[in-house]
Amino acid sequence: MPTASPTVNTTLSIGPHAVRPPVVLAPMAGITNAPFRTLCREYSGGKGLFVSEMITTRALVERNEKTMQLIRFDASEQPRSIQLYGVDPATVGKAVRMIAEEDLADHIDLNFGCPVPKVTRKGGGSALPFKRNLLRAILREAGAGDLPVTMKMRKGIDDDHITYLDAGRIAVEEGVTAIALHGRTAAQHYGGTADWEAIARLKEHVPEIPVLGNGDIWSADDALRMVRETGCDGVVVGRGCLGRPWLFADLVAAFEGRPDAYVRPTLREVADAMVRHATLLGEWIGDESRGVIDFRKHVAWYLKGFAVGSEMRRRLAVTSTLEELRAGLDELDLDQPWPSGADGPRGRTSGNNRVVLPDGWLKDPYDCAGVGEDAELDTSGG
């Protein structure tokens, strides 16, 4: 383990907000809702920045019921951070003004990194930076208010359509506060190995603003290594914290030079975290059963590496009440220590996907014809 942090004195500035250590929870659809943010923030001692799951600008300005719930923040969340997805500059502008005027958040992050087909087929997410003028127009609309704006992006659509350096320069020119780069293309999805060298190149290309690195951070030591190898100003952690909300305790300890404080929970402590997570979901949704059902997707991530039989894993993944969940967990050998090799890839790992794009999207990197309100998604989250 490292004995000192390369960034122990580093503070990430997001407008007027100081983030120290420079650690950010990546927005993940269906994952980074208020309950999960609460768990991660508790483990970190309130340090870091925790971003909401993706909020579509159309759904926000139309005050979609689900979307309005997704932007509810706990009183302890400071700063309040919303990630917006949009394709139409006018709609993005309306959403940003709504957030500012109604004091719905303190920081806006723009999604230019999502690779899923329902997003890219509309020209959004990781497809959008290919259209340089469209990207500029959206950033200009988003920056018209008083809230600090950051953006998260990928290297490009595929190896033949790399966009991140052009996008970074446009971001600087339009007043973006910081950029996070996932070191993969949209075609890679989450497969293969993240290209940390691209993060280093972006940092050299846009020295005017902070660059955050994202991709293949499975442990606090990975985060320190990324900073050392790329010179980035901080890290954005996504899949590495699935079933591991205590990773944020490790990240704080690592950046503060306290590797001896890393968390290595027993299965009993993991089980307690699972029940608390499911409880928070039920309270947030307003229905215990729905909260436990929503929690099911987390079960395998929490139990990874522990000696738990396949039949018990299946049982736990179909529970519908907190009593069922707790009873099933109590049948396990809860004295199991943290297993060797429990850190590592979690979540989707597929790669080499065909990126679904609007017809003719790649013909001209500057032409934005045909992109408008009808390209906006009408739902938020997962």
Protein backbone atom coordinates (compact mmCIF):
# COMPACT_ATOMS: atom_id res chain seq x y z
CA MET A 1 0.00 0.00 0.00
CA PRO A 2 1.22 3.55 -0.67
CA THR A 3 2.42 5.47 2.35
CA ALA A 4 1.54 8.91 1.02
CA SER A 5 -0.90 10.45 -1.40
CA PRO A 6 0.22 12.30 -4.51
CA THR A 7 -2.62 14.80 -4.05
CA VAL A 8 -2.97 15.09 -0.30
CA ASN A 9 -3.24 18.88 -0.54
CA THR A 10 -5.35 18.96 -3.68
CA THR A 11 -8.75 20.65 -3.64
CA LEU A 12 -10.99 20.43 -6.67
CA SER A 13 -12.84 23.68 -7.30
CA ILE A 14 -16.28 23.38 -8.90
CA GLY A 15 -17.21 27.03 -9.12
CA PRO A 16 -17.48 28.22 -5.50
CA HIS A 17 -17.54 24.64 -4.18
CA ALA A 18 -14.36 23.07 -2.83
CA VAL A 19 -14.21 19.28 -3.20
CA ARG A 20 -11.50 17.74 -1.04
CA PRO A 21 -10.31 15.15 -1.66
CA PRO A 22 -11.05 15.38 -5.40
CA VAL A 23 -13.27 12.31 -5.54
CA VAL A 24 -16.58 12.19 -7.44
CA LEU A 25 -19.32 9.56 -7.55
CA ALA A 26 -20.12 8.98 -11.21
CA PRO A 27 -23.78 9.32 -12.22
CA MET A 28 -25.21 5.86 -12.92
CA ALA A 29 -28.76 5.33 -14.12
CA GLY A 30 -30.84 3.43 -11.60
CA ILE A 31 -27.96 3.40 -9.10
CA THR A 32 -26.92 6.84 -7.83
CA ASN A 33 -30.28 7.80 -6.40
CA ALA A 34 -30.55 9.58 -3.04
CA PRO A 35 -30.27 6.38 -0.91
CA PHE A 36 -27.06 5.22 -2.56
CA ARG A 37 -25.58 8.72 -2.41
CA THR A 38 -26.43 8.80 1.29
CA LEU A 39 -24.58 5.52 1.90
CA CYS A 40 -21.48 6.62 -0.01
CA ARG A 41 -21.46 10.01 1.69
CA GLU A 42 -21.75 8.42 5.14
CA TYR A 43 -18.70 6.25 4.48
CA SER A 44 -16.72 9.23 3.17
CA GLY A 45 -17.55 11.39 6.17
CA GLY A 46 -19.27 13.86 3.86
CA LYS A 47 -16.15 14.40 1.75
CA GLY A 48 -16.31 14.28 -2.05
CA LEU A 49 -18.94 15.10 -4.65
CA PHE A 50 -21.94 12.83 -5.24
CA VAL A 51 -23.84 13.32 -8.49
CA SER A 52 -27.45 12.34 -9.19
CA GLU A 53 -28.40 9.79 -11.79
CA MET A 54 -29.11 11.07 -15.29
CA ILE A 55 -31.92 13.64 -15.52
CA THR A 56 -33.28 14.30 -19.00
CA THR A 57 -33.82 17.97 -19.71
CA ARG A 58 -37.16 17.40 -21.46
CA ALA A 59 -38.55 15.44 -18.50
CA LEU A 60 -37.34 18.13 -16.13
CA VAL A 61 -38.90 21.09 -17.91
CA GLU A 62 -42.13 19.08 -18.30
CA ARG A 63 -42.00 18.35 -14.54
CA ASN A 64 -42.30 14.59 -15.04
CA GLU A 65 -43.30 13.03 -11.70
CA LYS A 66 -40.50 10.46 -11.62
CA THR A 67 -37.93 13.07 -12.59
CA MET A 68 -39.04 15.46 -9.86
CA GLN A 69 -38.53 12.68 -7.34
CA LEU A 70 -35.06 11.90 -8.70
CA ILE A 71 -33.91 15.48 -8.08
CA ARG A 72 -34.91 15.45 -4.42
CA PHE A 73 -31.81 15.88 -2.29
CA ASP A 74 -31.27 15.10 1.36
CA ALA A 75 -30.68 18.19 3.51
CA SER A 76 -27.13 16.98 4.21
CA GLU A 77 -26.17 16.90 0.50
CA GLN A 78 -23.92 19.88 -0.15
CA PRO A 79 -23.32 20.77 -2.87
CA ARG A 80 -26.38 19.35 -4.60
CA SER A 81 -25.26 17.99 -7.95
CA ILE A 82 -27.50 17.13 -10.92
CA GLN A 83 -26.42 15.40 -14.10
CA LEU A 84 -28.39 16.55 -17.15
CA TYR A 85 -28.83 14.79 -20.46
CA GLY A 86 -30.03 16.78 -23.44
CA VAL A 87 -29.70 17.02 -27.22
CA ASP A 88 -31.61 20.19 -27.99
CA PRO A 89 -29.77 23.39 -26.88
CA ALA A 90 -33.03 25.27 -26.25
CA THR A 91 -34.36 22.53 -23.97
CA VAL A 92 -31.04 22.32 -22.12
CA GLY A 93 -31.16 26.07 -21.61
CA LYS A 94 -34.70 25.89 -20.19
CA ALA A 95 -33.67 23.12 -17.79
CA VAL A 96 -30.61 25.00 -16.56
CA ARG A 97 -32.61 28.18 -15.97
CA MET A 98 -35.27 26.19 -14.13
CA ILE A 99 -32.66 24.63 -11.84
CA ALA A 100 -31.10 28.01 -11.08
CA GLU A 101 -34.32 29.98 -10.63
CA GLU A 102 -35.98 27.36 -8.43
CA ASP A 103 -32.80 26.55 -6.47
CA LEU A 104 -32.98 22.86 -7.34
CA ALA A 105 -29.21 22.23 -7.30
CA ASP A 106 -25.82 23.88 -6.84
CA HIS A 107 -23.93 22.23 -9.69
CA ILE A 108 -24.79 20.85 -13.12
CA ASP A 109 -22.91 18.05 -14.87
CA LEU A 110 -23.67 17.38 -18.54
CA ASN A 111 -23.83 13.82 -19.86
CA PHE A 112 -21.80 13.30 -23.03
CA GLY A 113 -20.62 9.82 -22.06
CA CYS A 114 -23.58 7.45 -22.00
CA PRO A 115 -23.11 4.68 -24.65
CA VAL A 116 -26.50 2.92 -24.44
CA PRO A 117 -28.50 2.67 -27.68
CA LYS A 118 -31.62 4.50 -26.44
CA VAL A 119 -29.39 7.54 -25.87
CA THR A 120 -26.98 7.40 -28.82
CA ARG A 121 -29.71 6.69 -31.40
CA LYS A 122 -31.06 10.15 -30.53
CA GLY A 123 -27.61 11.69 -30.99
CA GLY A 124 -27.11 12.08 -27.27
CA GLY A 125 -24.57 10.93 -24.72
CA SER A 126 -21.29 9.73 -26.20
CA ALA A 127 -22.56 10.34 -29.75
CA LEU A 128 -23.07 14.07 -29.30
CA PRO A 129 -19.49 15.45 -29.13
CA PHE A 130 -18.96 14.33 -32.73
CA LYS A 131 -21.21 17.26 -33.71
CA ARG A 132 -18.87 20.06 -32.68
CA ASN A 133 -21.28 22.95 -33.26
CA LEU A 134 -24.08 21.19 -31.42
CA LEU A 135 -21.79 20.55 -28.47
CA ARG A 136 -20.79 24.20 -28.40
CA ALA A 137 -24.41 25.36 -28.57
CA ILE A 138 -25.43 23.13 -25.65
CA LEU A 139 -22.49 24.23 -23.52
CA ARG A 140 -23.24 27.86 -24.28
CA GLU A 141 -26.87 27.47 -23.22
CA ALA A 142 -25.87 25.56 -20.08
CA GLY A 143 -23.35 28.21 -19.11
CA ALA A 144 -25.77 31.11 -19.43
CA GLY A 145 -26.78 30.84 -15.76
CA ASP A 146 -24.84 31.32 -12.55
CA LEU A 147 -24.36 27.64 -11.68
CA PRO A 148 -21.01 25.91 -12.31
CA VAL A 149 -21.18 23.45 -15.19
CA THR A 150 -18.99 20.39 -15.73
CA MET A 151 -19.16 17.67 -18.38
CA LYS A 152 -18.45 13.95 -18.56
CA MET A 153 -17.48 12.37 -21.87
CA ARG A 154 -15.77 9.44 -23.56
CA LYS A 155 -12.87 9.36 -26.01
CA GLY A 156 -15.25 9.27 -28.95
CA ILE A 157 -17.72 7.10 -30.80
CA ASP A 158 -15.16 4.51 -31.88
CA ASP A 159 -11.48 4.37 -32.82
CA ASP A 160 -12.23 6.03 -36.17
CA HIS A 161 -14.18 8.89 -34.62
CA ILE A 162 -12.21 10.22 -31.65
CA THR A 163 -13.58 13.49 -30.30
CA TYR A 164 -12.30 14.14 -26.79
CA LEU A 165 -9.53 16.65 -27.61
CA ASP A 166 -11.79 18.80 -29.78
CA ALA A 167 -14.54 18.54 -27.18
CA GLY A 168 -12.15 19.55 -24.42
CA ARG A 169 -11.06 22.67 -26.27
CA ILE A 170 -14.70 23.64 -26.96
CA ALA A 171 -15.49 23.13 -23.28
CA VAL A 172 -12.72 25.50 -22.22
CA GLU A 173 -13.88 28.14 -24.71
CA GLU A 174 -17.46 27.90 -23.44
CA GLY A 175 -16.59 28.25 -19.77
CA VAL A 176 -16.98 24.68 -18.52
CA THR A 177 -15.57 24.37 -14.99
CA ALA A 178 -14.10 20.85 -15.24
CA ILE A 179 -14.10 17.82 -17.55
CA ALA A 180 -14.30 14.13 -16.66
CA LEU A 181 -13.03 11.67 -19.27
CA HIS A 182 -13.89 7.98 -19.32
CA GLY A 183 -10.98 6.39 -21.14
CA ARG A 184 -13.13 4.30 -23.49
CA THR A 185 -15.06 4.90 -26.70
CA ALA A 186 -18.80 4.39 -26.96
CA ALA A 187 -18.15 1.22 -28.99
CA GLN A 188 -16.18 -0.24 -26.11
CA HIS A 189 -19.02 0.26 -23.64
CA TYR A 190 -17.33 -1.14 -20.52
CA GLY A 191 -15.17 -3.79 -22.16
CA GLY A 192 -11.42 -4.01 -22.42
CA THR A 193 -9.11 -1.71 -20.49
CA ALA A 194 -9.64 2.01 -20.00
CA ASP A 195 -7.10 4.17 -21.84
CA TRP A 196 -5.53 6.25 -19.08
CA GLU A 197 -3.06 7.75 -21.58
CA ALA A 198 -6.00 9.59 -23.14
CA ILE A 199 -6.70 11.18 -19.76
CA ALA A 200 -3.09 12.35 -19.62
CA ARG A 201 -3.32 13.78 -23.14
CA LEU A 202 -6.50 15.66 -22.31
CA LYS A 203 -4.88 17.13 -19.21
CA GLU A 204 -2.01 18.41 -21.36
CA HIS A 205 -4.46 19.70 -23.98
CA VAL A 206 -6.65 21.73 -21.60
CA PRO A 207 -4.39 22.90 -18.76
CA GLU A 208 -6.77 25.79 -18.04
CA ILE A 209 -9.35 23.65 -16.18
CA PRO A 210 -9.37 20.52 -14.01
CA VAL A 211 -9.49 17.14 -15.75
CA LEU A 212 -10.91 14.17 -13.87
CA GLY A 213 -10.13 10.58 -14.79
CA ASN A 214 -12.69 7.79 -15.01
CA GLY A 215 -12.42 4.11 -15.88
CA ASP A 216 -11.11 0.97 -14.13
CA ILE A 217 -10.89 2.42 -10.62
CA TRP A 218 -11.71 -0.65 -8.55
CA SER A 219 -9.82 0.35 -5.41
CA ALA A 220 -8.36 3.39 -3.72
CA ASP A 221 -4.90 2.34 -4.86
CA ASP A 222 -6.15 2.41 -8.47
CA ALA A 223 -7.24 6.01 -7.93
CA LEU A 224 -3.83 7.06 -6.64
CA ARG A 225 -2.15 5.26 -9.53
CA MET A 226 -4.37 7.05 -12.04
CA VAL A 227 -3.43 10.43 -10.61
CA ARG A 228 0.27 9.57 -10.61
CA GLU A 229 0.25 8.19 -14.17
CA THR A 230 -1.97 10.80 -15.84
CA GLY A 231 -1.53 13.98 -13.83
CA CYS A 232 -5.31 14.33 -13.63
CA ASP A 233 -6.82 16.57 -10.97
CA GLY A 234 -9.14 14.00 -9.44
CA VAL A 235 -11.08 10.81 -10.06
CA VAL A 236 -14.63 9.85 -10.93
CA VAL A 237 -15.67 6.43 -9.63
CA GLY A 238 -18.53 4.46 -11.14
CA ARG A 239 -18.74 0.67 -11.29
CA GLY A 240 -15.98 0.32 -8.69
CA CYS A 241 -18.40 1.28 -5.92
CA LEU A 242 -21.21 -1.10 -6.93
CA GLY A 243 -21.84 -3.13 -3.79
CA ARG A 244 -18.89 -1.26 -2.26
CA PRO A 245 -20.12 2.10 -0.89
CA TRP A 246 -17.26 1.97 1.63
CA LEU A 247 -14.88 2.50 -1.28
CA PHE A 248 -15.39 6.20 -0.59
CA ALA A 249 -13.95 5.75 2.89
CA ASP A 250 -10.90 4.14 1.27
CA LEU A 251 -10.62 6.95 -1.31
CA VAL A 252 -10.66 9.62 1.38
CA ALA A 253 -8.07 7.71 3.41
CA ALA A 254 -5.86 7.22 0.34
CA PHE A 255 -5.89 10.85 -0.73
CA GLU A 256 -5.24 11.92 2.85
CA GLY A 257 -2.27 9.56 3.12
CA ARG A 258 -3.90 7.08 5.54
CA PRO A 259 -3.83 3.70 3.76
CA ASP A 260 -3.98 1.91 7.10
CA ALA A 261 -7.58 3.17 7.40
CA TYR A 262 -8.88 1.19 4.42
CA VAL A 263 -12.18 -0.60 5.14
CA ARG A 264 -12.19 -4.39 4.98
CA PRO A 265 -15.65 -5.37 6.23
CA THR A 266 -16.66 -8.81 7.41
CA LEU A 267 -19.71 -10.39 5.79
CA ARG A 268 -21.68 -9.34 8.88
CA GLU A 269 -20.82 -5.70 8.22
CA VAL A 270 -21.63 -6.13 4.54
CA ALA A 271 -25.00 -7.65 5.46
CA ASP A 272 -25.75 -4.66 7.70
CA ALA A 273 -24.91 -2.32 4.81
CA MET A 274 -27.21 -4.30 2.51
CA VAL A 275 -30.14 -4.01 4.89
CA ARG A 276 -29.53 -0.32 5.41
CA HIS A 277 -29.34 0.26 1.65
CA ALA A 278 -32.64 -1.56 1.11
CA THR A 279 -34.22 0.31 4.03
CA LEU A 280 -33.18 3.68 2.63
CA LEU A 281 -34.61 2.74 -0.77
CA GLY A 282 -37.94 1.83 0.82
CA GLU A 283 -38.09 5.09 2.74
CA TRP A 284 -37.21 7.09 -0.38
CA ILE A 285 -39.75 5.31 -2.58
CA GLY A 286 -42.35 5.28 0.18
CA ASP A 287 -42.91 1.54 0.04
CA GLU A 288 -40.78 -1.10 1.79
CA SER A 289 -41.49 -3.87 -0.72
CA ARG A 290 -40.69 -1.69 -3.73
CA GLY A 291 -37.49 -0.60 -2.01
CA VAL A 292 -36.37 -4.21 -1.45
CA ILE A 293 -37.28 -5.13 -5.02
CA ASP A 294 -35.24 -2.19 -6.32
CA PHE A 295 -32.35 -3.37 -4.12
CA ARG A 296 -32.27 -6.83 -5.74
CA LYS A 297 -29.88 -5.75 -8.48
CA HIS A 298 -27.28 -4.88 -5.82
CA VAL A 299 -27.20 -8.29 -4.10
CA ALA A 300 -24.60 -9.98 -6.33
CA TRP A 301 -22.31 -6.93 -6.17
CA TYR A 302 -22.33 -6.86 -2.36
CA LEU A 303 -21.71 -10.59 -2.04
CA LYS A 304 -18.95 -10.86 -4.63
CA GLY A 305 -16.01 -12.86 -3.29
CA PHE A 306 -17.78 -14.25 -0.22
CA ALA A 307 -18.58 -17.95 0.20
CA VAL A 308 -22.30 -17.83 -0.51
CA GLY A 309 -23.93 -20.68 -2.43
CA SER A 310 -25.73 -20.08 -5.70
CA GLU A 311 -29.11 -21.10 -4.26
CA MET A 312 -28.79 -18.61 -1.40
CA ARG A 313 -27.70 -15.88 -3.79
CA ARG A 314 -30.79 -16.59 -5.85
CA ARG A 315 -33.04 -16.49 -2.76
CA LEU A 316 -31.62 -13.17 -1.64
CA ALA A 317 -32.06 -11.75 -5.13
CA VAL A 318 -35.83 -12.40 -5.06
CA THR A 319 -36.71 -11.14 -1.59
CA SER A 320 -39.57 -8.68 -1.25
CA THR A 321 -39.42 -7.55 2.39
CA LEU A 322 -36.74 -6.38 4.77
CA GLU A 323 -37.60 -9.30 7.07
CA GLU A 324 -36.99 -11.79 4.25
CA LEU A 325 -33.71 -10.09 3.33
CA ARG A 326 -32.44 -10.00 6.93
CA ALA A 327 -33.51 -13.60 7.59
CA GLY A 328 -31.70 -14.85 4.52
CA LEU A 329 -28.55 -12.98 5.37
CA ASP A 330 -28.62 -14.34 8.93
CA GLU A 331 -28.35 -17.87 7.53
CA LEU A 332 -24.91 -17.07 6.12
CA ASP A 333 -21.56 -17.47 7.84
CA LEU A 334 -21.43 -13.79 8.77
CA ASP A 335 -18.01 -14.08 10.43
CA GLN A 336 -16.33 -14.45 7.04
CA PRO A 337 -13.51 -11.89 6.70
CA TRP A 338 -13.09 -9.68 3.68
CA PRO A 339 -12.16 -12.12 0.88
CA SER A 340 -8.93 -11.88 -1.02
CA GLY A 341 -9.53 -10.68 -4.55
CA ALA A 342 -13.00 -9.26 -3.82
CA ASP A 343 -12.07 -6.00 -5.50
CA GLY A 344 -12.20 -5.94 -9.26
CA PRO A 345 -14.59 -5.52 -12.19
CA ARG A 346 -18.29 -5.41 -11.46
CA GLY A 347 -21.25 -4.53 -13.62
CA ARG A 348 -21.39 -4.72 -17.40
CA THR A 349 -18.16 -5.61 -19.21
CA SER A 350 -19.25 -6.11 -22.82
CA GLY A 351 -17.25 -4.35 -25.52
CA ASN A 352 -16.85 -3.92 -29.29
CA ASN A 353 -20.47 -2.92 -29.73
CA ARG A 354 -21.95 -1.27 -32.77
CA VAL A 355 -22.94 2.24 -31.74
CA VAL A 356 -26.51 3.02 -32.74
CA LEU A 357 -26.62 6.51 -34.27
CA PRO A 358 -29.17 8.68 -36.10
CA ASP A 359 -29.15 8.23 -39.87
CA GLY A 360 -26.29 10.13 -41.48
CA TRP A 361 -24.83 11.21 -38.13
CA LEU A 362 -21.22 10.66 -39.19
CA LYS A 363 -21.42 12.43 -42.56
CA ASP A 364 -20.52 15.88 -41.22
CA PRO A 365 -19.06 16.65 -37.78
CA TYR A 366 -20.43 20.19 -37.86
CA ASP A 367 -23.90 19.93 -39.41
CA CYS A 368 -26.61 19.89 -36.73
CA ALA A 369 -29.65 19.82 -39.01
CA GLY A 370 -32.50 17.67 -37.76
CA VAL A 371 -31.53 17.83 -34.09
CA GLY A 372 -34.27 19.39 -32.00
CA GLU A 373 -36.88 18.83 -29.32
CA ASP A 374 -38.04 15.56 -30.87
CA ALA A 375 -34.60 14.07 -30.16
CA GLU A 376 -35.04 14.57 -26.42
CA LEU A 377 -35.76 11.57 -24.18
CA ASP A 378 -38.84 12.00 -22.02
CA THR A 379 -37.76 9.89 -19.03
CA SER A 380 -34.94 10.12 -16.52
CA GLY A 381 -32.84 7.55 -14.70
CA GLY A 382 -32.61 3.83 -15.36
